[in-house]
Every structure is written in C-alpha cells, then in structure tokens.
Amino acid sequence: MKKVVIYTTPTCTYCRQTKDFFKEKSINYEEYSVLTDVAKRQEMVDKSGQMGVPVITVSEADGSKEEVVIGFNRPQLAELLGVK
C-alpha cells in the first residue's frame, strides 16, 4: 500500500482535480494546507523546490522510495499508484 500526501491551498483548481482523482480511484491520502500550515509549507518547498501547488508525494507505506509529483499529472500519478 502506498502512502500519499498532497500539499494544497483552498482555492487551487488543480488540487481539487487531484483530490477528485484520488476519490475516483479510492486512494487514501493525507492533505496539508500550505496556506495556514507554515511548517508543512516549508516541508513542501524542501521536497519540491517551489511554492506552487499541488505537490504530491507517493511513497511506500514505511515512507521509503518517495516520489514527488508537481501539479496534477494524472498519467504519472496513475503509474505510481498502480491504477488506470
């Protein structure tokens, strides 16, 4: 099972599209709003090197082999999560 984290802001259209994709595919995820959570904002910047959202991380359940996806990249997310 994969661990999925998404860094978002409340008004981000691509964030909403990504979360809709996760719901459609029954993917559980953790969400952090970088608008209000300064520590998570810094964590996102450290992982991605940018301030744009969404930033999604997909890793093994134990946190290893973390992949960072910037923006709503449906094909890349589908491949990482093993869904169509």
PDB file of N, CA and C in Angstrom:
ATOM      1  N   MET A   1       0.834  -1.184   0.000  1.00  0.00           N
ATOM      2  CA  MET A   1       0.000   0.000   0.000  1.00  0.00           C
ATOM      3  C   MET A   1       0.878   1.247   0.000  1.00  0.00           C
ATOM      4  N   LYS A   2       0.484   2.230  -0.780  1.00  0.00           N
ATOM      5  CA  LYS A   2       1.262   3.462  -0.903  1.00  0.00           C
ATOM      6  C   LYS A   2       0.778   4.507   0.102  1.00  0.00           C
ATOM      7  N   LYS A   3       1.699   5.343   0.526  1.00  0.00           N
ATOM      8  CA  LYS A   3       1.359   6.489   1.359  1.00  0.00           C
ATOM      9  C   LYS A   3       1.342   7.702   0.440  1.00  0.00           C
ATOM     10  N   VAL A   4       0.223   8.431   0.436  1.00  0.00           N
ATOM     11  CA  VAL A   4       0.050   9.578  -0.453  1.00  0.00           C
ATOM     12  C   VAL A   4      -0.198  10.825   0.392  1.00  0.00           C
ATOM     13  N   VAL A   5       0.557  11.873   0.083  1.00  0.00           N
ATOM     14  CA  VAL A   5       0.395  13.167   0.761  1.00  0.00           C
ATOM     15  C   VAL A   5       0.228  14.221  -0.312  1.00  0.00           C
ATOM     16  N   ILE A   6      -0.730  15.128  -0.095  1.00  0.00           N
ATOM     17  CA  ILE A   6      -0.917  16.239  -1.030  1.00  0.00           C
ATOM     18  C   ILE A   6      -0.860  17.545  -0.252  1.00  0.00           C
ATOM     19  N   TYR A   7      -0.058  18.462  -0.770  1.00  0.00           N
ATOM     20  CA  TYR A   7       0.056  19.814  -0.213  1.00  0.00           C
ATOM     21  C   TYR A   7      -0.816  20.709  -1.092  1.00  0.00           C
ATOM     22  N   THR A   8      -1.738  21.452  -0.473  1.00  0.00           N
ATOM     23  CA  THR A   8      -2.753  22.199  -1.219  1.00  0.00           C
ATOM     24  C   THR A   8      -2.942  23.606  -0.673  1.00  0.00           C
ATOM     25  N   THR A   9      -3.761  24.361  -1.418  1.00  0.00           N
ATOM     26  CA  THR A   9      -4.363  25.591  -0.910  1.00  0.00           C
ATOM     27  C   THR A   9      -5.865  25.484  -1.199  1.00  0.00           C
ATOM     28  N   PRO A  10      -6.701  26.200  -0.442  1.00  0.00           N
ATOM     29  CA  PRO A  10      -8.149  26.055  -0.593  1.00  0.00           C
ATOM     30  C   PRO A  10      -8.702  26.435  -1.967  1.00  0.00           C
ATOM     31  N   THR A  11      -8.061  27.347  -2.664  1.00  0.00           N
ATOM     32  CA  THR A  11      -8.612  27.843  -3.932  1.00  0.00           C
ATOM     33  C   THR A  11      -7.993  27.203  -5.171  1.00  0.00           C
ATOM     34  N   CYS A  12      -7.125  26.236  -4.989  1.00  0.00           N
ATOM     35  CA  CYS A  12      -6.378  25.633  -6.102  1.00  0.00           C
ATOM     36  C   CYS A  12      -7.240  24.644  -6.888  1.00  0.00           C
ATOM     37  N   THR A  13      -7.491  24.964  -8.158  1.00  0.00           N
ATOM     38  CA  THR A  13      -8.284  24.098  -9.035  1.00  0.00           C
ATOM     39  C   THR A  13      -7.602  22.766  -9.268  1.00  0.00           C
ATOM     40  N   TYR A  14      -6.293  22.769  -9.491  1.00  0.00           N
ATOM     41  CA  TYR A  14      -5.573  21.522  -9.746  1.00  0.00           C
ATOM     42  C   TYR A  14      -5.519  20.633  -8.502  1.00  0.00           C
ATOM     43  N   CYS A  15      -5.505  21.264  -7.334  1.00  0.00           N
ATOM     44  CA  CYS A  15      -5.573  20.497  -6.087  1.00  0.00           C
ATOM     45  C   CYS A  15      -6.907  19.755  -6.024  1.00  0.00           C
ATOM     46  N   ARG A  16      -7.972  20.446  -6.341  1.00  0.00           N
ATOM     47  CA  ARG A  16      -9.310  19.853  -6.331  1.00  0.00           C
ATOM     48  C   ARG A  16      -9.387  18.701  -7.341  1.00  0.00           C
ATOM     49  N   GLN A  17      -8.838  18.905  -8.526  1.00  0.00           N
ATOM     50  CA  GLN A  17      -8.843  17.847  -9.547  1.00  0.00           C
ATOM     51  C   GLN A  17      -8.058  16.624  -9.067  1.00  0.00           C
ATOM     52  N   THR A  18      -6.945  16.861  -8.405  1.00  0.00           N
ATOM     53  CA  THR A  18      -6.130  15.755  -7.894  1.00  0.00           C
ATOM     54  C   THR A  18      -6.899  14.981  -6.832  1.00  0.00           C
ATOM     55  N   LYS A  19      -7.535  15.690  -5.906  1.00  0.00           N
ATOM     56  CA  LYS A  19      -8.305  15.021  -4.848  1.00  0.00           C
ATOM     57  C   LYS A  19      -9.502  14.275  -5.437  1.00  0.00           C
ATOM     58  N   ASP A  20     -10.134  14.824  -6.455  1.00  0.00           N
ATOM     59  CA  ASP A  20     -11.230  14.122  -7.140  1.00  0.00           C
ATOM     60  C   ASP A  20     -10.713  12.829  -7.774  1.00  0.00           C
ATOM     61  N   PHE A  21      -9.541  12.883  -8.383  1.00  0.00           N
ATOM     62  CA  PHE A  21      -8.920  11.689  -8.968  1.00  0.00           C
ATOM     63  C   PHE A  21      -8.684  10.638  -7.885  1.00  0.00           C
ATOM     64  N   PHE A  22      -8.150  11.056  -6.735  1.00  0.00           N
ATOM     65  CA  PHE A  22      -7.907  10.116  -5.639  1.00  0.00           C
ATOM     66  C   PHE A  22      -9.217   9.471  -5.181  1.00  0.00           C
ATOM     67  N   LYS A  23     -10.268  10.273  -5.051  1.00  0.00           N
ATOM     68  CA  LYS A  23     -11.572   9.731  -4.632  1.00  0.00           C
ATOM     69  C   LYS A  23     -12.103   8.747  -5.663  1.00  0.00           C
ATOM     70  N   GLU A  24     -12.005   9.112  -6.930  1.00  0.00           N
ATOM     71  CA  GLU A  24     -12.474   8.252  -8.026  1.00  0.00           C
ATOM     72  C   GLU A  24     -11.771   6.900  -8.001  1.00  0.00           C
ATOM     73  N   LYS A  25     -10.492   6.902  -7.636  1.00  0.00           N
ATOM     74  CA  LYS A  25      -9.686   5.681  -7.628  1.00  0.00           C
ATOM     75  C   LYS A  25      -9.583   5.046  -6.242  1.00  0.00           C
ATOM     76  N   SER A  26     -10.330   5.583  -5.273  1.00  0.00           N
ATOM     77  CA  SER A  26     -10.333   5.069  -3.885  1.00  0.00           C
ATOM     78  C   SER A  26      -8.931   5.061  -3.270  1.00  0.00           C
ATOM     79  N   ILE A  27      -8.200   6.149  -3.503  1.00  0.00           N
ATOM     80  CA  ILE A  27      -6.850   6.316  -2.952  1.00  0.00           C
ATOM     81  C   ILE A  27      -6.951   7.142  -1.676  1.00  0.00           C
ATOM     82  N   ASN A  28      -6.480   6.580  -0.570  1.00  0.00           N
ATOM     83  CA  ASN A  28      -6.428   7.334   0.683  1.00  0.00           C
ATOM     84  C   ASN A  28      -5.233   8.279   0.638  1.00  0.00           C
ATOM     85  N   TYR A  29      -5.405   9.459   1.218  1.00  0.00           N
ATOM     86  CA  TYR A  29      -4.317  10.430   1.213  1.00  0.00           C
ATOM     87  C   TYR A  29      -4.392  11.326   2.430  1.00  0.00           C
ATOM     88  N   GLU A  30      -3.264  11.931   2.758  1.00  0.00           N
ATOM     89  CA  GLU A  30      -3.195  12.957   3.795  1.00  0.00           C
ATOM     90  C   GLU A  30      -3.098  14.293   3.081  1.00  0.00           C
ATOM     91  N   GLU A  31      -3.820  15.287   3.573  1.00  0.00           N
ATOM     92  CA  GLU A  31      -3.810  16.609   2.945  1.00  0.00           C
ATOM     93  C   GLU A  31      -3.309  17.649   3.939  1.00  0.00           C
ATOM     94  N   TYR A  32      -2.439  18.529   3.444  1.00  0.00           N
ATOM     95  CA  TYR A  32      -1.939  19.634   4.246  1.00  0.00           C
ATOM     96  C   TYR A  32      -2.164  20.930   3.488  1.00  0.00           C
ATOM     97  N   SER A  33      -2.791  21.889   4.147  1.00  0.00           N
ATOM     98  CA  SER A  33      -2.989  23.210   3.551  1.00  0.00           C
ATOM     99  C   SER A  33      -1.758  24.063   3.840  1.00  0.00           C
ATOM    100  N   VAL A  34      -1.029  24.407   2.796  1.00  0.00           N
ATOM    101  CA  VAL A  34       0.181  25.208   2.977  1.00  0.00           C
ATOM    102  C   VAL A  34      -0.140  26.689   3.133  1.00  0.00           C
ATOM    103  N   LEU A  35      -1.419  27.031   2.997  1.00  0.00           N
ATOM    104  CA  LEU A  35      -1.834  28.412   3.232  1.00  0.00           C
ATOM    105  C   LEU A  35      -1.728  28.754   4.719  1.00  0.00           C
ATOM    106  N   THR A  36      -2.107  27.805   5.571  1.00  0.00           N
ATOM    107  CA  THR A  36      -2.154  28.069   7.008  1.00  0.00           C
ATOM    108  C   THR A  36      -1.069  27.350   7.800  1.00  0.00           C
ATOM    109  N   ASP A  37      -0.510  26.277   7.263  1.00  0.00           N
ATOM    110  CA  ASP A  37       0.476  25.485   7.991  1.00  0.00           C
ATOM    111  C   ASP A  37       1.882  25.821   7.480  1.00  0.00           C
ATOM    112  N   VAL A  38       2.551  26.702   8.197  1.00  0.00           N
ATOM    113  CA  VAL A  38       3.862  27.203   7.770  1.00  0.00           C
ATOM    114  C   VAL A  38       4.903  26.078   7.747  1.00  0.00           C
ATOM    115  N   ALA A  39       4.852  25.181   8.707  1.00  0.00           N
ATOM    116  CA  ALA A  39       5.816  24.080   8.751  1.00  0.00           C
ATOM    117  C   ALA A  39       5.639  23.161   7.543  1.00  0.00           C
ATOM    118  N   LYS A  40       4.405  22.862   7.189  1.00  0.00           N
ATOM    119  CA  LYS A  40       4.144  21.998   6.027  1.00  0.00           C
ATOM    120  C   LYS A  40       4.494  22.724   4.735  1.00  0.00           C
ATOM    121  N   ARG A  41       4.298  24.044   4.698  1.00  0.00           N
ATOM    122  CA  ARG A  41       4.705  24.827   3.524  1.00  0.00           C
ATOM    123  C   ARG A  41       6.208  24.684   3.306  1.00  0.00           C
ATOM    124  N   GLN A  42       6.982  24.813   4.385  1.00  0.00           N
ATOM    125  CA  GLN A  42       8.440  24.678   4.270  1.00  0.00           C
ATOM    126  C   GLN A  42       8.817  23.258   3.866  1.00  0.00           C
ATOM    127  N   GLU A  43       8.123  22.270   4.415  1.00  0.00           N
ATOM    128  CA  GLU A  43       8.369  20.871   4.050  1.00  0.00           C
ATOM    129  C   GLU A  43       8.129  20.665   2.549  1.00  0.00           C
ATOM    130  N   MET A  44       7.050  21.253   2.029  1.00  0.00           N
ATOM    131  CA  MET A  44       6.725  21.150   0.608  1.00  0.00           C
ATOM    132  C   MET A  44       7.819  21.784  -0.242  1.00  0.00           C
ATOM    133  N   VAL A  45       8.274  22.971   0.144  1.00  0.00           N
ATOM    134  CA  VAL A  45       9.331  23.661  -0.602  1.00  0.00           C
ATOM    135  C   VAL A  45      10.622  22.847  -0.561  1.00  0.00           C
ATOM    136  N   ASP A  46      10.934  22.271   0.589  1.00  0.00           N
ATOM    137  CA  ASP A  46      12.137  21.436   0.710  1.00  0.00           C
ATOM    138  C   ASP A  46      12.066  20.233  -0.231  1.00  0.00           C
ATOM    139  N   LYS A  47      10.888  19.645  -0.372  1.00  0.00           N
ATOM    140  CA  LYS A  47      10.720  18.454  -1.218  1.00  0.00           C
ATOM    141  C   LYS A  47      10.690  18.803  -2.703  1.00  0.00           C
ATOM    142  N   SER A  48      10.020  19.928  -3.046  1.00  0.00           N
ATOM    143  CA  SER A  48       9.762  20.239  -4.459  1.00  0.00           C
ATOM    144  C   SER A  48      10.626  21.361  -5.022  1.00  0.00           C
ATOM    145  N   GLY A  49      11.151  22.205  -4.143  1.00  0.00           N
ATOM    146  CA  GLY A  49      11.929  23.339  -4.601  1.00  0.00           C
ATOM    147  C   GLY A  49      11.073  24.489  -5.126  1.00  0.00           C
ATOM    148  N   GLN A  50       9.790  24.469  -4.819  1.00  0.00           N
ATOM    149  CA  GLN A  50       8.907  25.533  -5.320  1.00  0.00           C
ATOM    150  C   GLN A  50       7.729  25.768  -4.388  1.00  0.00           C
ATOM    151  N   MET A  51       7.008  26.870  -4.658  1.00  0.00           N
ATOM    152  CA  MET A  51       5.840  27.237  -3.852  1.00  0.00           C
ATOM    153  C   MET A  51       4.523  26.835  -4.509  1.00  0.00           C
ATOM    154  N   GLY A  52       4.544  26.406  -5.774  1.00  0.00           N
ATOM    155  CA  GLY A  52       3.306  26.055  -6.471  1.00  0.00           C
ATOM    156  C   GLY A  52       2.673  24.795  -5.916  1.00  0.00           C
ATOM    157  N   VAL A  53       1.343  24.740  -5.974  1.00  0.00           N
ATOM    158  CA  VAL A  53       0.595  23.563  -5.537  1.00  0.00           C
ATOM    159  C   VAL A  53      -0.256  23.053  -6.694  1.00  0.00           C
ATOM    160  N   PRO A  54      -0.654  21.812  -6.685  1.00  0.00           N
ATOM    161  CA  PRO A  54      -0.366  20.834  -5.640  1.00  0.00           C
ATOM    162  C   PRO A  54       1.015  20.208  -5.798  1.00  0.00           C
ATOM    163  N   VAL A  55       1.532  19.783  -4.669  1.00  0.00           N
ATOM    164  CA  VAL A  55       2.703  18.913  -4.645  1.00  0.00           C
ATOM    165  C   VAL A  55       2.230  17.631  -3.976  1.00  0.00           C
ATOM    166  N   ILE A  56       2.476  16.515  -4.648  1.00  0.00           N
ATOM    167  CA  ILE A  56       2.032  15.223  -4.147  1.00  0.00           C
ATOM    168  C   ILE A  56       3.255  14.351  -3.930  1.00  0.00           C
ATOM    169  N   THR A  57       3.291  13.653  -2.804  1.00  0.00           N
ATOM    170  CA  THR A  57       4.337  12.663  -2.590  1.00  0.00           C
ATOM    171  C   THR A  57       3.690  11.291  -2.512  1.00  0.00           C
ATOM    172  N   VAL A  58       4.335  10.337  -3.162  1.00  0.00           N
ATOM    173  CA  VAL A  58       3.878   8.946  -3.145  1.00  0.00           C
ATOM    174  C   VAL A  58       5.067   8.117  -2.681  1.00  0.00           C
ATOM    175  N   SER A  59       4.867   7.367  -1.611  1.00  0.00           N
ATOM    176  CA  SER A  59       5.954   6.543  -1.086  1.00  0.00           C
ATOM    177  C   SER A  59       5.402   5.200  -0.633  1.00  0.00           C
ATOM    178  N   GLU A  60       6.317   4.314  -0.300  1.00  0.00           N
ATOM    179  CA  GLU A  60       5.918   3.042   0.289  1.00  0.00           C
ATOM    180  C   GLU A  60       5.311   3.333   1.657  1.00  0.00           C
ATOM    181  N   ALA A  61       4.569   2.392   2.198  1.00  0.00           N
ATOM    182  CA  ALA A  61       3.892   2.593   3.487  1.00  0.00           C
ATOM    183  C   ALA A  61       4.869   2.984   4.590  1.00  0.00           C
ATOM    184  N   ASP A  62       6.111   2.506   4.503  1.00  0.00           N
ATOM    185  CA  ASP A  62       7.113   2.826   5.526  1.00  0.00           C
ATOM    186  C   ASP A  62       7.825   4.158   5.265  1.00  0.00           C
ATOM    187  N   GLY A  63       7.406   4.864   4.198  1.00  0.00           N
ATOM    188  CA  GLY A  63       7.992   6.163   3.883  1.00  0.00           C
ATOM    189  C   GLY A  63       9.184   6.105   2.942  1.00  0.00           C
ATOM    190  N   SER A  64       9.593   4.910   2.540  1.00  0.00           N
ATOM    191  CA  SER A  64      10.749   4.793   1.644  1.00  0.00           C
ATOM    192  C   SER A  64      10.329   5.012   0.195  1.00  0.00           C
ATOM    193  N   LYS A  65      11.319   5.217  -0.660  1.00  0.00           N
ATOM    194  CA  LYS A  65      11.113   5.387  -2.103  1.00  0.00           C
ATOM    195  C   LYS A  65      10.108   6.493  -2.421  1.00  0.00           C
ATOM    196  N   GLU A  66      10.293   7.641  -1.816  1.00  0.00           N
ATOM    197  CA  GLU A  66       9.352   8.750  -2.030  1.00  0.00           C
ATOM    198  C   GLU A  66       9.537   9.374  -3.411  1.00  0.00           C
ATOM    199  N   GLU A  67       8.437   9.500  -4.124  1.00  0.00           N
ATOM    200  CA  GLU A  67       8.393  10.183  -5.417  1.00  0.00           C
ATOM    201  C   GLU A  67       7.624  11.484  -5.234  1.00  0.00           C
ATOM    202  N   VAL A  68       8.106  12.554  -5.843  1.00  0.00           N
ATOM    203  CA  VAL A  68       7.442  13.856  -5.757  1.00  0.00           C
ATOM    204  C   VAL A  68       6.833  14.186  -7.113  1.00  0.00           C
ATOM    205  N   VAL A  69       5.538  14.515  -7.094  1.00  0.00           N
ATOM    206  CA  VAL A  69       4.821  14.900  -8.309  1.00  0.00           C
ATOM    207  C   VAL A  69       4.382  16.347  -8.126  1.00  0.00           C
ATOM    208  N   ILE A  70       4.738  17.188  -9.101  1.00  0.00           N
ATOM    209  CA  ILE A  70       4.377  18.601  -9.030  1.00  0.00           C
ATOM    210  C   ILE A  70       3.234  18.845 -10.004  1.00  0.00           C
ATOM    211  N   GLY A  71       2.128  19.381  -9.490  1.00  0.00           N
ATOM    212  CA  GLY A  71       0.953  19.622 -10.319  1.00  0.00           C
ATOM    213  C   GLY A  71       0.128  18.357 -10.473  1.00  0.00           C
ATOM    214  N   PHE A  72      -1.027  18.500 -11.114  1.00  0.00           N
ATOM    215  CA  PHE A  72      -1.902  17.349 -11.346  1.00  0.00           C
ATOM    216  C   PHE A  72      -1.460  16.638 -12.613  1.00  0.00           C
ATOM    217  N   ASN A  73      -0.606  15.630 -12.430  1.00  0.00           N
ATOM    218  CA  ASN A  73      -0.085  14.849 -13.548  1.00  0.00           C
ATOM    219  C   ASN A  73      -0.758  13.471 -13.472  1.00  0.00           C
ATOM    220  N   ARG A  74      -1.947  13.378 -14.054  1.00  0.00           N
ATOM    221  CA  ARG A  74      -2.743  12.156 -13.959  1.00  0.00           C
ATOM    222  C   ARG A  74      -1.989  10.902 -14.416  1.00  0.00           C
ATOM    223  N   PRO A  75      -1.324  10.912 -15.595  1.00  0.00           N
ATOM    224  CA  PRO A  75      -0.613   9.690 -16.016  1.00  0.00           C
ATOM    225  C   PRO A  75       0.477   9.265 -15.034  1.00  0.00           C
ATOM    226  N   GLN A  76       1.226  10.213 -14.532  1.00  0.00           N
ATOM    227  CA  GLN A  76       2.302   9.882 -13.598  1.00  0.00           C
ATOM    228  C   GLN A  76       1.729   9.348 -12.279  1.00  0.00           C
ATOM    229  N   LEU A  77       0.673   9.982 -11.779  1.00  0.00           N
ATOM    230  CA  LEU A  77       0.050   9.513 -10.541  1.00  0.00           C
ATOM    231  C   LEU A  77      -0.535   8.119 -10.724  1.00  0.00           C
ATOM    232  N   ALA A  78      -1.207   7.890 -11.852  1.00  0.00           N
ATOM    233  CA  ALA A  78      -1.804   6.571 -12.117  1.00  0.00           C
ATOM    234  C   ALA A  78      -0.721   5.497 -12.128  1.00  0.00           C
ATOM    235  N   GLU A  79       0.409   5.795 -12.750  1.00  0.00           N
ATOM    236  CA  GLU A  79       1.511   4.835 -12.809  1.00  0.00           C
ATOM    237  C   GLU A  79       2.080   4.565 -11.410  1.00  0.00           C
ATOM    238  N   LEU A  80       2.337   5.626 -10.654  1.00  0.00           N
ATOM    239  CA  LEU A  80       2.903   5.463  -9.312  1.00  0.00           C
ATOM    240  C   LEU A  80       1.971   4.703  -8.385  1.00  0.00           C
ATOM    241  N   LEU A  81       0.656   4.893  -8.576  1.00  0.00           N
ATOM    242  CA  LEU A  81      -0.329   4.279  -7.684  1.00  0.00           C
ATOM    243  C   LEU A  81      -0.869   2.950  -8.220  1.00  0.00           C
ATOM    244  N   GLY A  82      -0.480   2.583  -9.427  1.00  0.00           N
ATOM    245  CA  GLY A  82      -0.919   1.316  -9.998  1.00  0.00           C
ATOM    246  C   GLY A  82      -2.389   1.277 -10.342  1.00  0.00           C
ATOM    247  N   VAL A  83      -2.932   2.426 -10.808  1.00  0.00           N
ATOM    248  CA  VAL A  83      -4.340   2.495 -11.215  1.00  0.00           C
ATOM    249  C   VAL A  83      -4.407   2.962 -12.667  1.00  0.00           C
ATOM    250  N   LYS A  84      -5.598   2.828 -13.260  1.00  0.00           N
ATOM    251  CA  LYS A  84      -5.768   3.281 -14.644  1.00  0.00           C
ATOM    252  C   LYS A  84      -6.570   4.558 -14.706  1.00  0.00           C
TER     253      LYS A  84
END
